[in-house]
Amino acid sequence: MADEGDVLGRIHELVSAEHTLRERFGRGELTTEEEHIQLRSLEVQLDQCWDLLRQRRARAAAGQDPDDAKVRPVTEVEGYLS
């Protein structure tokens, strides 16, 4: 299982990819539809990473093994209420 540093590293990679995607769209290298599809994919991956990080931290705070945290399915992570 990835440790907290790995998860944070992945979050930074995804944020960087999002910035690159927006720059490419701004230069006209992507259509609006292409940008939306790719952006949605990045957003879902980010949501899963943030969820995993929150799980790890909650488990550690509760005296449990953070390595037991698991990446949850997209349908579960995207189904949370705000």
PDB file of N, CA and C in Angstrom:
ATOM      1  N   MET A   1       0.849  -1.181   0.000  1.00  0.00           N
ATOM      2  CA  MET A   1       0.000   0.000   0.000  1.00  0.00           C
ATOM      3  C   MET A   1       0.890   1.238   0.000  1.00  0.00           C
ATOM      4  N   ALA A   2       0.471   2.260  -0.675  1.00  0.00           N
ATOM      5  CA  ALA A   2       1.208   3.508  -0.737  1.00  0.00           C
ATOM      6  C   ALA A   2       1.160   4.220   0.608  1.00  0.00           C
ATOM      7  N   ASP A   3       2.278   4.873   0.968  1.00  0.00           N
ATOM      8  CA  ASP A   3       2.260   5.634   2.209  1.00  0.00           C
ATOM      9  C   ASP A   3       1.750   7.046   1.931  1.00  0.00           C
ATOM     10  N   GLU A   4       1.638   7.846   2.979  1.00  0.00           N
ATOM     11  CA  GLU A   4       1.072   9.185   2.833  1.00  0.00           C
ATOM     12  C   GLU A   4       1.861  10.028   1.833  1.00  0.00           C
ATOM     13  N   GLY A   5       3.182   9.899   1.865  1.00  0.00           N
ATOM     14  CA  GLY A   5       4.021  10.640   0.922  1.00  0.00           C
ATOM     15  C   GLY A   5       3.736  10.259  -0.520  1.00  0.00           C
ATOM     16  N   ASP A   6       3.500   8.975  -0.754  1.00  0.00           N
ATOM     17  CA  ASP A   6       3.165   8.513  -2.103  1.00  0.00           C
ATOM     18  C   ASP A   6       1.837   9.097  -2.570  1.00  0.00           C
ATOM     19  N   VAL A   7       0.863   9.106  -1.663  1.00  0.00           N
ATOM     20  CA  VAL A   7      -0.460   9.628  -2.014  1.00  0.00           C
ATOM     21  C   VAL A   7      -0.360  11.125  -2.306  1.00  0.00           C
ATOM     22  N   LEU A   8       0.364  11.851  -1.459  1.00  0.00           N
ATOM     23  CA  LEU A   8       0.536  13.285  -1.687  1.00  0.00           C
ATOM     24  C   LEU A   8       1.288  13.548  -2.987  1.00  0.00           C
ATOM     25  N   GLY A   9       2.270  12.721  -3.280  1.00  0.00           N
ATOM     26  CA  GLY A   9       3.000  12.849  -4.540  1.00  0.00           C
ATOM     27  C   GLY A   9       2.082  12.658  -5.734  1.00  0.00           C
ATOM     28  N   ARG A  10       1.211  11.678  -5.653  1.00  0.00           N
ATOM     29  CA  ARG A  10       0.246  11.426  -6.734  1.00  0.00           C
ATOM     30  C   ARG A  10      -0.712  12.603  -6.886  1.00  0.00           C
ATOM     31  N   ILE A  11      -1.142  13.177  -5.762  1.00  0.00           N
ATOM     32  CA  ILE A  11      -2.025  14.346  -5.814  1.00  0.00           C
ATOM     33  C   ILE A  11      -1.315  15.483  -6.550  1.00  0.00           C
ATOM     34  N   HIS A  12      -0.068  15.727  -6.220  1.00  0.00           N
ATOM     35  CA  HIS A  12       0.693  16.792  -6.889  1.00  0.00           C
ATOM     36  C   HIS A  12       0.837  16.511  -8.389  1.00  0.00           C
ATOM     37  N   GLU A  13       1.068  15.258  -8.755  1.00  0.00           N
ATOM     38  CA  GLU A  13       1.155  14.887 -10.179  1.00  0.00           C
ATOM     39  C   GLU A  13      -0.152  15.187 -10.904  1.00  0.00           C
ATOM     40  N   LEU A  14      -1.264  14.829 -10.276  1.00  0.00           N
ATOM     41  CA  LEU A  14      -2.569  15.048 -10.899  1.00  0.00           C
ATOM     42  C   LEU A  14      -2.896  16.530 -11.027  1.00  0.00           C
ATOM     43  N   VAL A  15      -2.535  17.314 -10.019  1.00  0.00           N
ATOM     44  CA  VAL A  15      -2.763  18.762 -10.089  1.00  0.00           C
ATOM     45  C   VAL A  15      -1.911  19.358 -11.208  1.00  0.00           C
ATOM     46  N   SER A  16      -0.686  18.914 -11.326  1.00  0.00           N
ATOM     47  CA  SER A  16       0.184  19.381 -12.406  1.00  0.00           C
ATOM     48  C   SER A  16      -0.397  19.006 -13.777  1.00  0.00           C
ATOM     49  N   ALA A  17      -0.913  17.798 -13.885  1.00  0.00           N
ATOM     50  CA  ALA A  17      -1.531  17.355 -15.141  1.00  0.00           C
ATOM     51  C   ALA A  17      -2.749  18.212 -15.468  1.00  0.00           C
ATOM     52  N   GLU A  18      -3.497  18.606 -14.439  1.00  0.00           N
ATOM     53  CA  GLU A  18      -4.665  19.463 -14.644  1.00  0.00           C
ATOM     54  C   GLU A  18      -4.235  20.829 -15.187  1.00  0.00           C
ATOM     55  N   HIS A  19      -3.167  21.380 -14.618  1.00  0.00           N
ATOM     56  CA  HIS A  19      -2.663  22.672 -15.099  1.00  0.00           C
ATOM     57  C   HIS A  19      -2.204  22.574 -16.556  1.00  0.00           C
ATOM     58  N   THR A  20      -1.488  21.505 -16.860  1.00  0.00           N
ATOM     59  CA  THR A  20      -1.024  21.286 -18.226  1.00  0.00           C
ATOM     60  C   THR A  20      -2.198  21.160 -19.182  1.00  0.00           C
ATOM     61  N   LEU A  21      -3.213  20.439 -18.775  1.00  0.00           N
ATOM     62  CA  LEU A  21      -4.408  20.255 -19.594  1.00  0.00           C
ATOM     63  C   LEU A  21      -5.066  21.606 -19.885  1.00  0.00           C
ATOM     64  N   ARG A  22      -5.203  22.429 -18.865  1.00  0.00           N
ATOM     65  CA  ARG A  22      -5.823  23.748 -19.046  1.00  0.00           C
ATOM     66  C   ARG A  22      -4.976  24.643 -19.958  1.00  0.00           C
ATOM     67  N   GLU A  23      -3.655  24.543 -19.838  1.00  0.00           N
ATOM     68  CA  GLU A  23      -2.764  25.305 -20.721  1.00  0.00           C
ATOM     69  C   GLU A  23      -2.923  24.858 -22.167  1.00  0.00           C
ATOM     70  N   ARG A  24      -2.975  23.559 -22.370  1.00  0.00           N
ATOM     71  CA  ARG A  24      -3.149  23.020 -23.723  1.00  0.00           C
ATOM     72  C   ARG A  24      -4.478  23.472 -24.319  1.00  0.00           C
ATOM     73  N   PHE A  25      -5.522  23.471 -23.497  1.00  0.00           N
ATOM     74  CA  PHE A  25      -6.826  23.928 -23.966  1.00  0.00           C
ATOM     75  C   PHE A  25      -6.751  25.408 -24.335  1.00  0.00           C
ATOM     76  N   GLY A  26      -6.066  26.182 -23.502  1.00  0.00           N
ATOM     77  CA  GLY A  26      -5.904  27.614 -23.762  1.00  0.00           C
ATOM     78  C   GLY A  26      -5.151  27.902 -25.048  1.00  0.00           C
ATOM     79  N   ARG A  27      -4.258  27.005 -25.432  1.00  0.00           N
ATOM     80  CA  ARG A  27      -3.505  27.164 -26.693  1.00  0.00           C
ATOM     81  C   ARG A  27      -4.263  26.592 -27.888  1.00  0.00           C
ATOM     82  N   GLY A  28      -5.439  26.057 -27.643  1.00  0.00           N
ATOM     83  CA  GLY A  28      -6.242  25.502 -28.731  1.00  0.00           C
ATOM     84  C   GLY A  28      -5.837  24.115 -29.167  1.00  0.00           C
ATOM     85  N   GLU A  29      -5.067  23.414 -28.348  1.00  0.00           N
ATOM     86  CA  GLU A  29      -4.608  22.063 -28.693  1.00  0.00           C
ATOM     87  C   GLU A  29      -5.650  20.997 -28.408  1.00  0.00           C
ATOM     88  N   LEU A  30      -6.688  21.350 -27.646  1.00  0.00           N
ATOM     89  CA  LEU A  30      -7.748  20.409 -27.294  1.00  0.00           C
ATOM     90  C   LEU A  30      -9.099  21.049 -27.569  1.00  0.00           C
ATOM     91  N   THR A  31     -10.054  20.229 -27.953  1.00  0.00           N
ATOM     92  CA  THR A  31     -11.420  20.729 -28.080  1.00  0.00           C
ATOM     93  C   THR A  31     -12.029  20.816 -26.680  1.00  0.00           C
ATOM     94  N   THR A  32     -13.137  21.510 -26.588  1.00  0.00           N
ATOM     95  CA  THR A  32     -13.834  21.615 -25.301  1.00  0.00           C
ATOM     96  C   THR A  32     -14.213  20.234 -24.796  1.00  0.00           C
ATOM     97  N   GLU A  33     -14.687  19.377 -25.691  1.00  0.00           N
ATOM     98  CA  GLU A  33     -15.084  18.024 -25.287  1.00  0.00           C
ATOM     99  C   GLU A  33     -13.882  17.229 -24.781  1.00  0.00           C
ATOM    100  N   GLU A  34     -12.753  17.308 -25.489  1.00  0.00           N
ATOM    101  CA  GLU A  34     -11.552  16.595 -25.045  1.00  0.00           C
ATOM    102  C   GLU A  34     -11.111  17.085 -23.670  1.00  0.00           C
ATOM    103  N   GLU A  35     -11.151  18.400 -23.486  1.00  0.00           N
ATOM    104  CA  GLU A  35     -10.753  18.952 -22.201  1.00  0.00           C
ATOM    105  C   GLU A  35     -11.667  18.447 -21.086  1.00  0.00           C
ATOM    106  N   HIS A  36     -12.979  18.467 -21.332  1.00  0.00           N
ATOM    107  CA  HIS A  36     -13.922  18.030 -20.308  1.00  0.00           C
ATOM    108  C   HIS A  36     -13.737  16.552 -19.951  1.00  0.00           C
ATOM    109  N   ILE A  37     -13.532  15.726 -20.942  1.00  0.00           N
ATOM    110  CA  ILE A  37     -13.340  14.289 -20.690  1.00  0.00           C
ATOM    111  C   ILE A  37     -12.079  14.057 -19.857  1.00  0.00           C
ATOM    112  N   GLN A  38     -10.987  14.678 -20.263  1.00  0.00           N
ATOM    113  CA  GLN A  38      -9.724  14.489 -19.547  1.00  0.00           C
ATOM    114  C   GLN A  38      -9.764  15.116 -18.158  1.00  0.00           C
ATOM    115  N   LEU A  39     -10.410  16.269 -18.056  1.00  0.00           N
ATOM    116  CA  LEU A  39     -10.533  16.936 -16.765  1.00  0.00           C
ATOM    117  C   LEU A  39     -11.345  16.090 -15.803  1.00  0.00           C
ATOM    118  N   ARG A  40     -12.412  15.503 -16.283  1.00  0.00           N
ATOM    119  CA  ARG A  40     -13.261  14.648 -15.441  1.00  0.00           C
ATOM    120  C   ARG A  40     -12.464  13.460 -14.916  1.00  0.00           C
ATOM    121  N   SER A  41     -11.656  12.868 -15.768  1.00  0.00           N
ATOM    122  CA  SER A  41     -10.829  11.741 -15.347  1.00  0.00           C
ATOM    123  C   SER A  41      -9.863  12.171 -14.240  1.00  0.00           C
ATOM    124  N   LEU A  42      -9.226  13.321 -14.412  1.00  0.00           N
ATOM    125  CA  LEU A  42      -8.306  13.819 -13.396  1.00  0.00           C
ATOM    126  C   LEU A  42      -9.031  14.108 -12.083  1.00  0.00           C
ATOM    127  N   GLU A  43     -10.208  14.715 -12.178  1.00  0.00           N
ATOM    128  CA  GLU A  43     -10.981  15.046 -10.976  1.00  0.00           C
ATOM    129  C   GLU A  43     -11.355  13.792 -10.188  1.00  0.00           C
ATOM    130  N   VAL A  44     -11.744  12.748 -10.893  1.00  0.00           N
ATOM    131  CA  VAL A  44     -12.119  11.492 -10.233  1.00  0.00           C
ATOM    132  C   VAL A  44     -10.903  10.887  -9.533  1.00  0.00           C
ATOM    133  N   GLN A  45      -9.773  10.884 -10.220  1.00  0.00           N
ATOM    134  CA  GLN A  45      -8.555  10.347  -9.612  1.00  0.00           C
ATOM    135  C   GLN A  45      -8.141  11.155  -8.388  1.00  0.00           C
ATOM    136  N   LEU A  46      -8.267  12.481  -8.487  1.00  0.00           N
ATOM    137  CA  LEU A  46      -7.961  13.333  -7.343  1.00  0.00           C
ATOM    138  C   LEU A  46      -8.889  13.039  -6.165  1.00  0.00           C
ATOM    139  N   ASP A  47     -10.167  12.889  -6.449  1.00  0.00           N
ATOM    140  CA  ASP A  47     -11.123  12.572  -5.384  1.00  0.00           C
ATOM    141  C   ASP A  47     -10.754  11.270  -4.689  1.00  0.00           C
ATOM    142  N   GLN A  48     -10.351  10.273  -5.460  1.00  0.00           N
ATOM    143  CA  GLN A  48      -9.955   8.994  -4.868  1.00  0.00           C
ATOM    144  C   GLN A  48      -8.695   9.142  -4.014  1.00  0.00           C
ATOM    145  N   CYS A  49      -7.747   9.940  -4.487  1.00  0.00           N
ATOM    146  CA  CYS A  49      -6.518  10.150  -3.719  1.00  0.00           C
ATOM    147  C   CYS A  49      -6.808  10.891  -2.418  1.00  0.00           C
ATOM    148  N   TRP A  50      -7.609  11.953  -2.483  1.00  0.00           N
ATOM    149  CA  TRP A  50      -7.953  12.692  -1.268  1.00  0.00           C
ATOM    150  C   TRP A  50      -8.702  11.794  -0.286  1.00  0.00           C
ATOM    151  N   ASP A  51      -9.592  10.958  -0.795  1.00  0.00           N
ATOM    152  CA  ASP A  51     -10.330  10.033   0.061  1.00  0.00           C
ATOM    153  C   ASP A  51      -9.368   9.062   0.745  1.00  0.00           C
ATOM    154  N   LEU A  52      -8.432   8.530  -0.004  1.00  0.00           N
ATOM    155  CA  LEU A  52      -7.449   7.598   0.555  1.00  0.00           C
ATOM    156  C   LEU A  52      -6.605   8.291   1.621  1.00  0.00           C
ATOM    157  N   LEU A  53      -6.198   9.519   1.361  1.00  0.00           N
ATOM    158  CA  LEU A  53      -5.407  10.259   2.326  1.00  0.00           C
ATOM    159  C   LEU A  53      -6.208  10.503   3.612  1.00  0.00           C
ATOM    160  N   ARG A  54      -7.472  10.874   3.465  1.00  0.00           N
ATOM    161  CA  ARG A  54      -8.331  11.076   4.646  1.00  0.00           C
ATOM    162  C   ARG A  54      -8.499   9.766   5.425  1.00  0.00           C
ATOM    163  N   GLN A  55      -8.677   8.661   4.707  1.00  0.00           N
ATOM    164  CA  GLN A  55      -8.798   7.358   5.376  1.00  0.00           C
ATOM    165  C   GLN A  55      -7.535   7.040   6.175  1.00  0.00           C
ATOM    166  N   ARG A  56      -6.372   7.234   5.544  1.00  0.00           N
ATOM    167  CA  ARG A  56      -5.098   6.929   6.203  1.00  0.00           C
ATOM    168  C   ARG A  56      -4.951   7.751   7.477  1.00  0.00           C
ATOM    169  N   ARG A  57      -5.252   9.043   7.370  1.00  0.00           N
ATOM    170  CA  ARG A  57      -5.105   9.941   8.523  1.00  0.00           C
ATOM    171  C   ARG A  57      -6.099   9.589   9.629  1.00  0.00           C
ATOM    172  N   ALA A  58      -7.311   9.252   9.257  1.00  0.00           N
ATOM    173  CA  ALA A  58      -8.327   8.885  10.253  1.00  0.00           C
ATOM    174  C   ALA A  58      -7.931   7.595  10.960  1.00  0.00           C
ATOM    175  N   ARG A  59      -7.430   6.638  10.191  1.00  0.00           N
ATOM    176  CA  ARG A  59      -7.017   5.375  10.800  1.00  0.00           C
ATOM    177  C   ARG A  59      -5.850   5.607  11.765  1.00  0.00           C
ATOM    178  N   ALA A  60      -4.888   6.423  11.354  1.00  0.00           N
ATOM    179  CA  ALA A  60      -3.739   6.713  12.219  1.00  0.00           C
ATOM    180  C   ALA A  60      -4.199   7.420  13.494  1.00  0.00           C
ATOM    181  N   ALA A  61      -5.108   8.376  13.358  1.00  0.00           N
ATOM    182  CA  ALA A  61      -5.616   9.112  14.521  1.00  0.00           C
ATOM    183  C   ALA A  61      -6.382   8.201  15.475  1.00  0.00           C
ATOM    184  N   ALA A  62      -6.969   7.140  14.943  1.00  0.00           N
ATOM    185  CA  ALA A  62      -7.740   6.204  15.763  1.00  0.00           C
ATOM    186  C   ALA A  62      -6.867   5.062  16.289  1.00  0.00           C
ATOM    187  N   GLY A  63      -5.555   5.135  16.048  1.00  0.00           N
ATOM    188  CA  GLY A  63      -4.655   4.096  16.531  1.00  0.00           C
ATOM    189  C   GLY A  63      -4.679   2.833  15.685  1.00  0.00           C
ATOM    190  N   GLN A  64      -5.221   2.935  14.476  1.00  0.00           N
ATOM    191  CA  GLN A  64      -5.279   1.785  13.566  1.00  0.00           C
ATOM    192  C   GLN A  64      -4.170   1.910  12.525  1.00  0.00           C
ATOM    193  N   ASP A  65      -3.946   0.843  11.811  1.00  0.00           N
ATOM    194  CA  ASP A  65      -2.903   0.813  10.790  1.00  0.00           C
ATOM    195  C   ASP A  65      -3.369   1.567   9.544  1.00  0.00           C
ATOM    196  N   PRO A  66      -2.709   2.679   9.198  1.00  0.00           N
ATOM    197  CA  PRO A  66      -3.113   3.434   8.009  1.00  0.00           C
ATOM    198  C   PRO A  66      -2.939   2.639   6.709  1.00  0.00           C
ATOM    199  N   ASP A  67      -2.069   1.636   6.744  1.00  0.00           N
ATOM    200  CA  ASP A  67      -1.858   0.821   5.553  1.00  0.00           C
ATOM    201  C   ASP A  67      -3.058  -0.058   5.213  1.00  0.00           C
ATOM    202  N   ASP A  68      -4.014  -0.142   6.130  1.00  0.00           N
ATOM    203  CA  ASP A  68      -5.230  -0.899   5.847  1.00  0.00           C
ATOM    204  C   ASP A  68      -6.242  -0.085   5.034  1.00  0.00           C
ATOM    205  N   ALA A  69      -5.973   1.196   4.826  1.00  0.00           N
ATOM    206  CA  ALA A  69      -6.854   2.034   4.002  1.00  0.00           C
ATOM    207  C   ALA A  69      -6.770   1.547   2.556  1.00  0.00           C
ATOM    208  N   LYS A  70      -7.882   1.606   1.882  1.00  0.00           N
ATOM    209  CA  LYS A  70      -7.974   1.107   0.502  1.00  0.00           C
ATOM    210  C   LYS A  70      -8.562   2.184  -0.405  1.00  0.00           C
ATOM    211  N   VAL A  71      -8.137   2.166  -1.659  1.00  0.00           N
ATOM    212  CA  VAL A  71      -8.745   3.052  -2.651  1.00  0.00           C
ATOM    213  C   VAL A  71     -10.176   2.574  -2.861  1.00  0.00           C
ATOM    214  N   ARG A  72     -11.104   3.493  -2.676  1.00  0.00           N
ATOM    215  CA  ARG A  72     -12.514   3.134  -2.830  1.00  0.00           C
ATOM    216  C   ARG A  72     -12.934   3.287  -4.285  1.00  0.00           C
ATOM    217  N   PRO A  73     -13.955   2.532  -4.704  1.00  0.00           N
ATOM    218  CA  PRO A  73     -14.420   2.619  -6.093  1.00  0.00           C
ATOM    219  C   PRO A  73     -14.938   4.028  -6.412  1.00  0.00           C
ATOM    220  N   VAL A  74     -14.830   4.393  -7.668  1.00  0.00           N
ATOM    221  CA  VAL A  74     -15.286   5.699  -8.139  1.00  0.00           C
ATOM    222  C   VAL A  74     -16.735   5.931  -7.756  1.00  0.00           C
ATOM    223  N   THR A  75     -17.562   4.914  -7.911  1.00  0.00           N
ATOM    224  CA  THR A  75     -18.989   5.076  -7.614  1.00  0.00           C
ATOM    225  C   THR A  75     -19.216   5.440  -6.158  1.00  0.00           C
ATOM    226  N   GLU A  76     -18.377   4.940  -5.282  1.00  0.00           N
ATOM    227  CA  GLU A  76     -18.512   5.263  -3.858  1.00  0.00           C
ATOM    228  C   GLU A  76     -17.982   6.663  -3.564  1.00  0.00           C
ATOM    229  N   VAL A  77     -16.798   6.959  -4.033  1.00  0.00           N
ATOM    230  CA  VAL A  77     -16.180   8.251  -3.760  1.00  0.00           C
ATOM    231  C   VAL A  77     -16.987   9.389  -4.383  1.00  0.00           C
ATOM    232  N   GLU A  78     -17.469   9.190  -5.582  1.00  0.00           N
ATOM    233  CA  GLU A  78     -18.217  10.240  -6.268  1.00  0.00           C
ATOM    234  C   GLU A  78     -19.658  10.332  -5.762  1.00  0.00           C
ATOM    235  N   GLY A  79     -20.081   9.389  -4.929  1.00  0.00           N
ATOM    236  CA  GLY A  79     -21.433   9.397  -4.420  1.00  0.00           C
ATOM    237  C   GLY A  79     -21.575  10.078  -3.072  1.00  0.00           C
ATOM    238  N   TYR A  80     -20.464  10.574  -2.509  1.00  0.00           N
ATOM    239  CA  TYR A  80     -20.536  11.240  -1.208  1.00  0.00           C
ATOM    240  C   TYR A  80     -21.331  12.517  -1.317  1.00  0.00           C
ATOM    241  N   LEU A  81     -22.056  12.826  -0.265  1.00  0.00           N
ATOM    242  CA  LEU A  81     -22.791  14.085  -0.207  1.00  0.00           C
ATOM    243  C   LEU A  81     -21.886  15.152   0.388  1.00  0.00           C
ATOM    244  N   SER A  82     -22.004  16.342  -0.114  1.00  0.00           N
ATOM    245  CA  SER A  82     -21.178  17.454   0.409  1.00  0.00           C
ATOM    246  C   SER A  82     -21.743  17.990   1.695  1.00  0.00           C
TER     247      SER A  82
END
